[in-house]
Amino acid sequence: MSASTKSTTTSTTTENERRRCERRPYICEAFIISPTAVDQSERIEVTAVNLSRTGVAFDCTEPLPKKAYYVIEIGMGEQRLISEVCIVSCRPIEEGIYQVGAKFC
């Protein structure tokens, strides 16, 4: 029975899927900031939309350069995840909104 379930799950994954880990959608409070920033006012509020064990995708109001490093803080209730990330993709999704993909360092 478990082989049948696994087979069904695998068949729904697209062949060009590059993810190493399962992504899970979340909408939560998040901020990014340059690791060299000296003032917390330099934080940029973003909306985290997908999390996996190896990275995060989020919406941002400004484009972020690929291969740039940031510190991301993601809030889920009382818990906080703070990690350095490297930007791997950034694409416009609508006027003034960019979807950014980043991997945890």
PDB file of N, CA and C in Angstrom:
ATOM      1  N   MET A   1       0.823  -1.190   0.000  1.00  0.00           N
ATOM      2  CA  MET A   1       0.000   0.000   0.000  1.00  0.00           C
ATOM      3  C   MET A   1       0.865   1.250   0.000  1.00  0.00           C
ATOM      4  N   SER A   2       1.927   1.288   0.791  1.00  0.00           N
ATOM      5  CA  SER A   2       2.766   2.479   0.835  1.00  0.00           C
ATOM      6  C   SER A   2       3.471   2.697  -0.493  1.00  0.00           C
ATOM      7  N   ALA A   3       3.797   1.628  -1.232  1.00  0.00           N
ATOM      8  CA  ALA A   3       4.426   1.794  -2.541  1.00  0.00           C
ATOM      9  C   ALA A   3       3.464   2.491  -3.495  1.00  0.00           C
ATOM     10  N   SER A   4       2.181   2.141  -3.434  1.00  0.00           N
ATOM     11  CA  SER A   4       1.180   2.786  -4.273  1.00  0.00           C
ATOM     12  C   SER A   4       1.052   4.264  -3.942  1.00  0.00           C
ATOM     13  N   THR A   5       1.035   4.603  -2.672  1.00  0.00           N
ATOM     14  CA  THR A   5       0.944   6.002  -2.249  1.00  0.00           C
ATOM     15  C   THR A   5       2.162   6.773  -2.710  1.00  0.00           C
ATOM     16  N   LYS A   6       3.335   6.197  -2.556  1.00  0.00           N
ATOM     17  CA  LYS A   6       4.563   6.857  -2.979  1.00  0.00           C
ATOM     18  C   LYS A   6       4.551   7.080  -4.483  1.00  0.00           C
ATOM     19  N   SER A   7       4.106   6.110  -5.232  1.00  0.00           N
ATOM     20  CA  SER A   7       4.025   6.224  -6.679  1.00  0.00           C
ATOM     21  C   SER A   7       3.115   7.368  -7.094  1.00  0.00           C
ATOM     22  N   THR A   8       1.972   7.501  -6.441  1.00  0.00           N
ATOM     23  CA  THR A   8       1.042   8.578  -6.751  1.00  0.00           C
ATOM     24  C   THR A   8       1.660   9.930  -6.453  1.00  0.00           C
ATOM     25  N   THR A   9       2.347  10.056  -5.328  1.00  0.00           N
ATOM     26  CA  THR A   9       2.992  11.314  -4.963  1.00  0.00           C
ATOM     27  C   THR A   9       4.064  11.681  -5.971  1.00  0.00           C
ATOM     28  N   THR A  10       4.863  10.710  -6.384  1.00  0.00           N
ATOM     29  CA  THR A  10       5.936  10.963  -7.331  1.00  0.00           C
ATOM     30  C   THR A  10       5.387  11.387  -8.680  1.00  0.00           C
ATOM     31  N   SER A  11       4.276  10.829  -9.111  1.00  0.00           N
ATOM     32  CA  SER A  11       3.736  11.140 -10.425  1.00  0.00           C
ATOM     33  C   SER A  11       3.216  12.571 -10.531  1.00  0.00           C
ATOM     34  N   THR A  12       2.911  13.222  -9.413  1.00  0.00           N
ATOM     35  CA  THR A  12       2.425  14.595  -9.461  1.00  0.00           C
ATOM     36  C   THR A  12       3.560  15.614  -9.533  1.00  0.00           C
ATOM     37  N   THR A  13       4.798  15.192  -9.283  1.00  0.00           N
ATOM     38  CA  THR A  13       5.948  16.088  -9.360  1.00  0.00           C
ATOM     39  C   THR A  13       6.355  16.241 -10.818  1.00  0.00           C
ATOM     40  N   THR A  14       6.553  17.473 -11.260  1.00  0.00           N
ATOM     41  CA  THR A  14       6.960  17.695 -12.645  1.00  0.00           C
ATOM     42  C   THR A  14       8.399  17.255 -12.841  1.00  0.00           C
ATOM     43  N   GLU A  15       8.720  16.828 -14.061  1.00  0.00           N
ATOM     44  CA  GLU A  15      10.053  16.324 -14.334  1.00  0.00           C
ATOM     45  C   GLU A  15      11.107  17.414 -14.284  1.00  0.00           C
ATOM     46  N   ASN A  16      10.733  18.676 -14.533  1.00  0.00           N
ATOM     47  CA  ASN A  16      11.720  19.740 -14.518  1.00  0.00           C
ATOM     48  C   ASN A  16      11.826  20.400 -13.143  1.00  0.00           C
ATOM     49  N   GLU A  17      11.248  19.816 -12.130  1.00  0.00           N
ATOM     50  CA  GLU A  17      11.316  20.348 -10.766  1.00  0.00           C
ATOM     51  C   GLU A  17      12.748  20.263 -10.267  1.00  0.00           C
ATOM     52  N   ARG A  18      13.326  21.399  -9.850  1.00  0.00           N
ATOM     53  CA  ARG A  18      14.712  21.447  -9.412  1.00  0.00           C
ATOM     54  C   ARG A  18      14.850  21.368  -7.906  1.00  0.00           C
ATOM     55  N   ARG A  19      13.800  21.341  -7.189  1.00  0.00           N
ATOM     56  CA  ARG A  19      13.846  21.400  -5.734  1.00  0.00           C
ATOM     57  C   ARG A  19      14.460  20.130  -5.164  1.00  0.00           C
ATOM     58  N   ARG A  20      15.317  20.310  -4.161  1.00  0.00           N
ATOM     59  CA  ARG A  20      15.881  19.166  -3.447  1.00  0.00           C
ATOM     60  C   ARG A  20      14.993  18.738  -2.303  1.00  0.00           C
ATOM     61  N   CYS A  21      14.153  19.650  -1.846  1.00  0.00           N
ATOM     62  CA  CYS A  21      13.277  19.381  -0.699  1.00  0.00           C
ATOM     63  C   CYS A  21      11.864  19.858  -1.015  1.00  0.00           C
ATOM     64  N   GLU A  22      10.895  19.267  -0.349  1.00  0.00           N
ATOM     65  CA  GLU A  22       9.504  19.662  -0.514  1.00  0.00           C
ATOM     66  C   GLU A  22       9.300  21.096  -0.049  1.00  0.00           C
ATOM     67  N   ARG A  23       8.578  21.875  -0.876  1.00  0.00           N
ATOM     68  CA  ARG A  23       8.242  23.242  -0.486  1.00  0.00           C
ATOM     69  C   ARG A  23       6.886  23.238   0.184  1.00  0.00           C
ATOM     70  N   ARG A  24       6.732  24.093   1.182  1.00  0.00           N
ATOM     71  CA  ARG A  24       5.446  24.227   1.864  1.00  0.00           C
ATOM     72  C   ARG A  24       5.062  25.686   1.863  1.00  0.00           C
ATOM     73  N   PRO A  25       3.842  25.985   1.419  1.00  0.00           N
ATOM     74  CA  PRO A  25       3.418  27.388   1.354  1.00  0.00           C
ATOM     75  C   PRO A  25       3.055  27.944   2.726  1.00  0.00           C
ATOM     76  N   TYR A  26       3.549  29.143   3.006  1.00  0.00           N
ATOM     77  CA  TYR A  26       3.228  29.862   4.225  1.00  0.00           C
ATOM     78  C   TYR A  26       3.128  31.339   3.870  1.00  0.00           C
ATOM     79  N   ILE A  27       2.275  32.037   4.523  1.00  0.00           N
ATOM     80  CA  ILE A  27       2.266  33.495   4.449  1.00  0.00           C
ATOM     81  C   ILE A  27       2.609  33.962   5.854  1.00  0.00           C
ATOM     82  N   CYS A  28       3.741  34.629   5.988  1.00  0.00           N
ATOM     83  CA  CYS A  28       4.159  35.043   7.323  1.00  0.00           C
ATOM     84  C   CYS A  28       4.965  36.335   7.247  1.00  0.00           C
ATOM     85  N   GLU A  29       5.130  36.954   8.385  1.00  0.00           N
ATOM     86  CA  GLU A  29       5.903  38.179   8.502  1.00  0.00           C
ATOM     87  C   GLU A  29       7.379  37.843   8.322  1.00  0.00           C
ATOM     88  N   ALA A  30       8.069  38.620   7.486  1.00  0.00           N
ATOM     89  CA  ALA A  30       9.488  38.375   7.275  1.00  0.00           C
ATOM     90  C   ALA A  30      10.186  39.681   6.907  1.00  0.00           C
ATOM     91  N   PHE A  31      11.468  39.737   7.215  1.00  0.00           N
ATOM     92  CA  PHE A  31      12.291  40.896   6.899  1.00  0.00           C
ATOM     93  C   PHE A  31      13.626  40.417   6.365  1.00  0.00           C
ATOM     94  N   ILE A  32      14.215  41.195   5.454  1.00  0.00           N
ATOM     95  CA  ILE A  32      15.575  40.927   5.024  1.00  0.00           C
ATOM     96  C   ILE A  32      16.403  42.172   5.287  1.00  0.00           C
ATOM     97  N   ILE A  33      17.688  41.948   5.484  1.00  0.00           N
ATOM     98  CA  ILE A  33      18.611  43.051   5.721  1.00  0.00           C
ATOM     99  C   ILE A  33      19.996  42.608   5.261  1.00  0.00           C
ATOM    100  N   SER A  34      20.774  43.526   4.776  1.00  0.00           N
ATOM    101  CA  SER A  34      22.144  43.232   4.384  1.00  0.00           C
ATOM    102  C   SER A  34      22.935  42.807   5.615  1.00  0.00           C
ATOM    103  N   PRO A  35      23.812  41.818   5.479  1.00  0.00           N
ATOM    104  CA  PRO A  35      24.612  41.414   6.639  1.00  0.00           C
ATOM    105  C   PRO A  35      25.581  42.504   7.103  1.00  0.00           C
ATOM    106  N   THR A  36      25.817  43.504   6.261  1.00  0.00           N
ATOM    107  CA  THR A  36      26.718  44.597   6.651  1.00  0.00           C
ATOM    108  C   THR A  36      25.969  45.845   7.117  1.00  0.00           C
ATOM    109  N   ALA A  37      24.650  45.771   7.204  1.00  0.00           N
ATOM    110  CA  ALA A  37      23.851  46.921   7.642  1.00  0.00           C
ATOM    111  C   ALA A  37      24.204  47.291   9.078  1.00  0.00           C
ATOM    112  N   VAL A  38      24.180  48.583   9.349  1.00  0.00           N
ATOM    113  CA  VAL A  38      24.513  49.060  10.696  1.00  0.00           C
ATOM    114  C   VAL A  38      23.289  49.538  11.464  1.00  0.00           C
ATOM    115  N   ASP A  39      22.146  49.637  10.777  1.00  0.00           N
ATOM    116  CA  ASP A  39      20.940  50.167  11.412  1.00  0.00           C
ATOM    117  C   ASP A  39      19.749  49.290  11.036  1.00  0.00           C
ATOM    118  N   GLN A  40      18.944  48.914  12.029  1.00  0.00           N
ATOM    119  CA  GLN A  40      17.759  48.075  11.786  1.00  0.00           C
ATOM    120  C   GLN A  40      16.736  48.748  10.867  1.00  0.00           C
ATOM    121  N   SER A  41      16.828  50.060  10.700  1.00  0.00           N
ATOM    122  CA  SER A  41      15.889  50.750   9.803  1.00  0.00           C
ATOM    123  C   SER A  41      16.136  50.383   8.337  1.00  0.00           C
ATOM    124  N   GLU A  42      17.235  49.709   8.054  1.00  0.00           N
ATOM    125  CA  GLU A  42      17.546  49.268   6.691  1.00  0.00           C
ATOM    126  C   GLU A  42      16.819  47.971   6.320  1.00  0.00           C
ATOM    127  N   ARG A  43      16.092  47.406   7.292  1.00  0.00           N
ATOM    128  CA  ARG A  43      15.347  46.166   6.998  1.00  0.00           C
ATOM    129  C   ARG A  43      14.280  46.423   5.956  1.00  0.00           C
ATOM    130  N   ILE A  44      14.035  45.423   5.121  1.00  0.00           N
ATOM    131  CA  ILE A  44      12.981  45.476   4.112  1.00  0.00           C
ATOM    132  C   ILE A  44      11.946  44.424   4.479  1.00  0.00           C
ATOM    133  N   GLU A  45      10.689  44.816   4.588  1.00  0.00           N
ATOM    134  CA  GLU A  45       9.639  43.848   4.892  1.00  0.00           C
ATOM    135  C   GLU A  45       9.300  43.072   3.630  1.00  0.00           C
ATOM    136  N   VAL A  46       9.209  41.761   3.752  1.00  0.00           N
ATOM    137  CA  VAL A  46       8.852  40.879   2.644  1.00  0.00           C
ATOM    138  C   VAL A  46       7.773  39.924   3.124  1.00  0.00           C
ATOM    139  N   THR A  47       7.133  39.247   2.199  1.00  0.00           N
ATOM    140  CA  THR A  47       6.149  38.230   2.535  1.00  0.00           C
ATOM    141  C   THR A  47       6.722  36.881   2.140  1.00  0.00           C
ATOM    142  N   ALA A  48       6.995  36.034   3.109  1.00  0.00           N
ATOM    143  CA  ALA A  48       7.504  34.697   2.817  1.00  0.00           C
ATOM    144  C   ALA A  48       6.343  33.834   2.340  1.00  0.00           C
ATOM    145  N   VAL A  49       6.519  33.191   1.205  1.00  0.00           N
ATOM    146  CA  VAL A  49       5.421  32.421   0.650  1.00  0.00           C
ATOM    147  C   VAL A  49       5.712  30.928   0.541  1.00  0.00           C
ATOM    148  N   ASN A  50       6.962  30.530   0.446  1.00  0.00           N
ATOM    149  CA  ASN A  50       7.313  29.119   0.372  1.00  0.00           C
ATOM    150  C   ASN A  50       8.561  28.859   1.194  1.00  0.00           C
ATOM    151  N   LEU A  51       8.524  27.818   1.975  1.00  0.00           N
ATOM    152  CA  LEU A  51       9.687  27.421   2.769  1.00  0.00           C
ATOM    153  C   LEU A  51      10.021  25.972   2.481  1.00  0.00           C
ATOM    154  N   SER A  52      11.302  25.668   2.455  1.00  0.00           N
ATOM    155  CA  SER A  52      11.750  24.286   2.393  1.00  0.00           C
ATOM    156  C   SER A  52      12.938  24.159   3.329  1.00  0.00           C
ATOM    157  N   ARG A  53      13.479  22.986   3.419  1.00  0.00           N
ATOM    158  CA  ARG A  53      14.629  22.779   4.288  1.00  0.00           C
ATOM    159  C   ARG A  53      15.855  23.530   3.773  1.00  0.00           C
ATOM    160  N   THR A  54      15.929  23.789   2.469  1.00  0.00           N
ATOM    161  CA  THR A  54      17.127  24.396   1.884  1.00  0.00           C
ATOM    162  C   THR A  54      16.954  25.844   1.448  1.00  0.00           C
ATOM    163  N   GLY A  55      15.723  26.373   1.452  1.00  0.00           N
ATOM    164  CA  GLY A  55      15.560  27.743   0.997  1.00  0.00           C
ATOM    165  C   GLY A  55      14.180  28.314   1.236  1.00  0.00           C
ATOM    166  N   VAL A  56      13.985  29.507   0.669  1.00  0.00           N
ATOM    167  CA  VAL A  56      12.741  30.248   0.867  1.00  0.00           C
ATOM    168  C   VAL A  56      12.448  31.044  -0.396  1.00  0.00           C
ATOM    169  N   ALA A  57      11.174  31.216  -0.694  1.00  0.00           N
ATOM    170  CA  ALA A  57      10.738  32.133  -1.752  1.00  0.00           C
ATOM    171  C   ALA A  57       9.876  33.190  -1.086  1.00  0.00           C
ATOM    172  N   PHE A  58      10.064  34.438  -1.497  1.00  0.00           N
ATOM    173  CA  PHE A  58       9.290  35.512  -0.879  1.00  0.00           C
ATOM    174  C   PHE A  58       9.022  36.604  -1.891  1.00  0.00           C
ATOM    175  N   ASP A  59       8.013  37.417  -1.592  1.00  0.00           N
ATOM    176  CA  ASP A  59       7.667  38.561  -2.421  1.00  0.00           C
ATOM    177  C   ASP A  59       8.282  39.808  -1.816  1.00  0.00           C
ATOM    178  N   CYS A  60       8.828  40.657  -2.684  1.00  0.00           N
ATOM    179  CA  CYS A  60       9.533  41.854  -2.249  1.00  0.00           C
ATOM    180  C   CYS A  60       9.140  43.009  -3.170  1.00  0.00           C
ATOM    181  N   THR A  61       9.174  44.221  -2.654  1.00  0.00           N
ATOM    182  CA  THR A  61       8.779  45.385  -3.459  1.00  0.00           C
ATOM    183  C   THR A  61       9.923  45.978  -4.272  1.00  0.00           C
ATOM    184  N   GLU A  62      11.104  45.385  -4.169  1.00  0.00           N
ATOM    185  CA  GLU A  62      12.225  45.847  -4.989  1.00  0.00           C
ATOM    186  C   GLU A  62      13.020  44.651  -5.492  1.00  0.00           C
ATOM    187  N   PRO A  63      13.640  44.779  -6.665  1.00  0.00           N
ATOM    188  CA  PRO A  63      14.426  43.657  -7.181  1.00  0.00           C
ATOM    189  C   PRO A  63      15.703  43.471  -6.360  1.00  0.00           C
ATOM    190  N   LEU A  64      16.098  42.231  -6.169  1.00  0.00           N
ATOM    191  CA  LEU A  64      17.322  41.916  -5.444  1.00  0.00           C
ATOM    192  C   LEU A  64      18.286  41.219  -6.399  1.00  0.00           C
ATOM    193  N   PRO A  65      19.564  41.604  -6.375  1.00  0.00           N
ATOM    194  CA  PRO A  65      20.524  41.013  -7.309  1.00  0.00           C
ATOM    195  C   PRO A  65      20.836  39.552  -6.973  1.00  0.00           C
ATOM    196  N   LYS A  66      20.976  38.735  -8.019  1.00  0.00           N
ATOM    197  CA  LYS A  66      21.366  37.337  -7.825  1.00  0.00           C
ATOM    198  C   LYS A  66      22.753  37.282  -7.202  1.00  0.00           C
ATOM    199  N   LYS A  67      22.976  36.265  -6.410  1.00  0.00           N
ATOM    200  CA  LYS A  67      24.234  35.990  -5.706  1.00  0.00           C
ATOM    201  C   LYS A  67      24.518  36.978  -4.570  1.00  0.00           C
ATOM    202  N   ALA A  68      23.573  37.860  -4.254  1.00  0.00           N
ATOM    203  CA  ALA A  68      23.737  38.772  -3.117  1.00  0.00           C
ATOM    204  C   ALA A  68      23.345  38.031  -1.838  1.00  0.00           C
ATOM    205  N   TYR A  69      23.952  38.414  -0.742  1.00  0.00           N
ATOM    206  CA  TYR A  69      23.676  37.790   0.552  1.00  0.00           C
ATOM    207  C   TYR A  69      22.871  38.739   1.429  1.00  0.00           C
ATOM    208  N   TYR A  70      21.909  38.159   2.135  1.00  0.00           N
ATOM    209  CA  TYR A  70      21.064  38.905   3.072  1.00  0.00           C
ATOM    210  C   TYR A  70      20.847  38.041   4.300  1.00  0.00           C
ATOM    211  N   VAL A  71      20.402  38.679   5.366  1.00  0.00           N
ATOM    212  CA  VAL A  71      19.933  37.950   6.541  1.00  0.00           C
ATOM    213  C   VAL A  71      18.417  38.058   6.509  1.00  0.00           C
ATOM    214  N   ILE A  72      17.743  36.918   6.624  1.00  0.00           N
ATOM    215  CA  ILE A  72      16.279  36.908   6.627  1.00  0.00           C
ATOM    216  C   ILE A  72      15.792  36.526   8.019  1.00  0.00           C
ATOM    217  N   GLU A  73      14.759  37.197   8.450  1.00  0.00           N
ATOM    218  CA  GLU A  73      14.092  36.874   9.719  1.00  0.00           C
ATOM    219  C   GLU A  73      12.646  36.565   9.387  1.00  0.00           C
ATOM    220  N   ILE A  74      12.220  35.361   9.699  1.00  0.00           N
ATOM    221  CA  ILE A  74      10.862  34.912   9.406  1.00  0.00           C
ATOM    222  C   ILE A  74      10.155  34.646  10.727  1.00  0.00           C
ATOM    223  N   GLY A  75       8.990  35.245  10.900  1.00  0.00           N
ATOM    224  CA  GLY A  75       8.229  35.064  12.126  1.00  0.00           C
ATOM    225  C   GLY A  75       7.027  34.170  11.909  1.00  0.00           C
ATOM    226  N   MET A  76       6.910  33.163  12.757  1.00  0.00           N
ATOM    227  CA  MET A  76       5.746  32.275  12.746  1.00  0.00           C
ATOM    228  C   MET A  76       5.231  32.196  14.173  1.00  0.00           C
ATOM    229  N   GLY A  77       4.227  33.010  14.458  1.00  0.00           N
ATOM    230  CA  GLY A  77       3.737  33.081  15.830  1.00  0.00           C
ATOM    231  C   GLY A  77       4.817  33.652  16.724  1.00  0.00           C
ATOM    232  N   GLU A  78       5.125  32.952  17.805  1.00  0.00           N
ATOM    233  CA  GLU A  78       6.159  33.399  18.741  1.00  0.00           C
ATOM    234  C   GLU A  78       7.560  32.983  18.305  1.00  0.00           C
ATOM    235  N   GLN A  79       7.646  32.104  17.319  1.00  0.00           N
ATOM    236  CA  GLN A  79       8.945  31.596  16.883  1.00  0.00           C
ATOM    237  C   GLN A  79       9.542  32.482  15.792  1.00  0.00           C
ATOM    238  N   ARG A  80      10.870  32.551  15.753  1.00  0.00           N
ATOM    239  CA  ARG A  80      11.596  33.314  14.748  1.00  0.00           C
ATOM    240  C   ARG A  80      12.680  32.434  14.139  1.00  0.00           C
ATOM    241  N   LEU A  81      12.806  32.493  12.810  1.00  0.00           N
ATOM    242  CA  LEU A  81      13.898  31.845  12.098  1.00  0.00           C
ATOM    243  C   LEU A  81      14.762  32.964  11.542  1.00  0.00           C
ATOM    244  N   ILE A  82      16.041  32.962  11.888  1.00  0.00           N
ATOM    245  CA  ILE A  82      16.968  33.964  11.381  1.00  0.00           C
ATOM    246  C   ILE A  82      18.106  33.210  10.718  1.00  0.00           C
ATOM    247  N   SER A  83      18.358  33.530   9.427  1.00  0.00           N
ATOM    248  CA  SER A  83      19.390  32.821   8.682  1.00  0.00           C
ATOM    249  C   SER A  83      19.940  33.711   7.582  1.00  0.00           C
ATOM    250  N   GLU A  84      21.179  33.460   7.225  1.00  0.00           N
ATOM    251  CA  GLU A  84      21.737  34.121   6.053  1.00  0.00           C
ATOM    252  C   GLU A  84      21.246  33.368   4.818  1.00  0.00           C
ATOM    253  N   VAL A  85      20.923  34.122   3.758  1.00  0.00           N
ATOM    254  CA  VAL A  85      20.466  33.526   2.510  1.00  0.00           C
ATOM    255  C   VAL A  85      21.246  34.126   1.346  1.00  0.00           C
ATOM    256  N   CYS A  86      21.306  33.373   0.264  1.00  0.00           N
ATOM    257  CA  CYS A  86      21.906  33.844  -0.983  1.00  0.00           C
ATOM    258  C   CYS A  86      20.804  33.875  -2.038  1.00  0.00           C
ATOM    259  N   ILE A  87      20.641  34.993  -2.711  1.00  0.00           N
ATOM    260  CA  ILE A  87      19.591  35.150  -3.717  1.00  0.00           C
ATOM    261  C   ILE A  87      19.957  34.330  -4.955  1.00  0.00           C
ATOM    262  N   VAL A  88      19.037  33.482  -5.397  1.00  0.00           N
ATOM    263  CA  VAL A  88      19.276  32.659  -6.584  1.00  0.00           C
ATOM    264  C   VAL A  88      18.378  33.051  -7.755  1.00  0.00           C
ATOM    265  N   SER A  89      17.275  33.738  -7.479  1.00  0.00           N
ATOM    266  CA  SER A  89      16.402  34.184  -8.568  1.00  0.00           C
ATOM    267  C   SER A  89      15.582  35.384  -8.118  1.00  0.00           C
ATOM    268  N   CYS A  90      15.202  36.196  -9.084  1.00  0.00           N
ATOM    269  CA  CYS A  90      14.351  37.352  -8.808  1.00  0.00           C
ATOM    270  C   CYS A  90      13.609  37.674 -10.100  1.00  0.00           C
ATOM    271  N   ARG A  91      12.286  37.604 -10.046  1.00  0.00           N
ATOM    272  CA  ARG A  91      11.504  37.879 -11.250  1.00  0.00           C
ATOM    273  C   ARG A  91      10.283  38.716 -10.903  1.00  0.00           C
ATOM    274  N   PRO A  92       9.922  39.638 -11.792  1.00  0.00           N
ATOM    275  CA  PRO A  92       8.714  40.433 -11.537  1.00  0.00           C
ATOM    276  C   PRO A  92       7.472  39.562 -11.686  1.00  0.00           C
ATOM    277  N   ILE A  93       6.523  39.715 -10.754  1.00  0.00           N
ATOM    278  CA  ILE A  93       5.279  38.953 -10.861  1.00  0.00           C
ATOM    279  C   ILE A  93       4.085  39.870 -11.091  1.00  0.00           C
ATOM    280  N   GLU A  94       4.221  41.121 -10.728  1.00  0.00           N
ATOM    281  CA  GLU A  94       3.221  42.143 -11.035  1.00  0.00           C
ATOM    282  C   GLU A  94       3.880  43.491 -10.822  1.00  0.00           C
ATOM    283  N   GLU A  95       3.199  44.549 -11.146  1.00  0.00           N
ATOM    284  CA  GLU A  95       3.762  45.898 -11.031  1.00  0.00           C
ATOM    285  C   GLU A  95       4.271  46.170  -9.618  1.00  0.00           C
ATOM    286  N   GLY A  96       5.582  46.369  -9.481  1.00  0.00           N
ATOM    287  CA  GLY A  96       6.170  46.702  -8.192  1.00  0.00           C
ATOM    288  C   GLY A  96       6.354  45.548  -7.229  1.00  0.00           C
ATOM    289  N   ILE A  97       6.132  44.300  -7.660  1.00  0.00           N
ATOM    290  CA  ILE A  97       6.297  43.130  -6.796  1.00  0.00           C
ATOM    291  C   ILE A  97       7.204  42.123  -7.508  1.00  0.00           C
ATOM    292  N   TYR A  98       8.183  41.629  -6.778  1.00  0.00           N
ATOM    293  CA  TYR A  98       9.132  40.652  -7.315  1.00  0.00           C
ATOM    294  C   TYR A  98       9.094  39.393  -6.470  1.00  0.00           C
ATOM    295  N   GLN A  99       9.156  38.247  -7.135  1.00  0.00           N
ATOM    296  CA  GLN A  99       9.252  36.989  -6.405  1.00  0.00           C
ATOM    297  C   GLN A  99      10.725  36.599  -6.378  1.00  0.00           C
ATOM    298  N   VAL A 100      11.234  36.405  -5.175  1.00  0.00           N
ATOM    299  CA  VAL A 100      12.652  36.141  -4.962  1.00  0.00           C
ATOM    300  C   VAL A 100      12.817  34.735  -4.410  1.00  0.00           C
ATOM    301  N   GLY A 101      13.773  34.014  -4.967  1.00  0.00           N
ATOM    302  CA  GLY A 101      14.139  32.707  -4.451  1.00  0.00           C
ATOM    303  C   GLY A 101      15.507  32.800  -3.811  1.00  0.00           C
ATOM    304  N   ALA A 102      15.664  32.214  -2.645  1.00  0.00           N
ATOM    305  CA  ALA A 102      16.935  32.273  -1.937  1.00  0.00           C
ATOM    306  C   ALA A 102      17.222  30.940  -1.260  1.00  0.00           C
ATOM    307  N   LYS A 103      18.504  30.602  -1.204  1.00  0.00           N
ATOM    308  CA  LYS A 103      18.891  29.368  -0.506  1.00  0.00           C
ATOM    309  C   LYS A 103      19.523  29.743   0.825  1.00  0.00           C
ATOM    310  N   PHE A 104      19.272  28.911   1.824  1.00  0.00           N
ATOM    311  CA  PHE A 104      19.883  29.113   3.136  1.00  0.00           C
ATOM    312  C   PHE A 104      21.372  28.807   3.045  1.00  0.00           C
ATOM    313  N   CYS A 105      22.184  29.598   3.738  1.00  0.00           N
ATOM    314  CA  CYS A 105      23.637  29.394   3.731  1.00  0.00           C
ATOM    315  C   CYS A 105      24.080  28.564   4.912  1.00  0.00           C
TER     316      CYS A 105
END
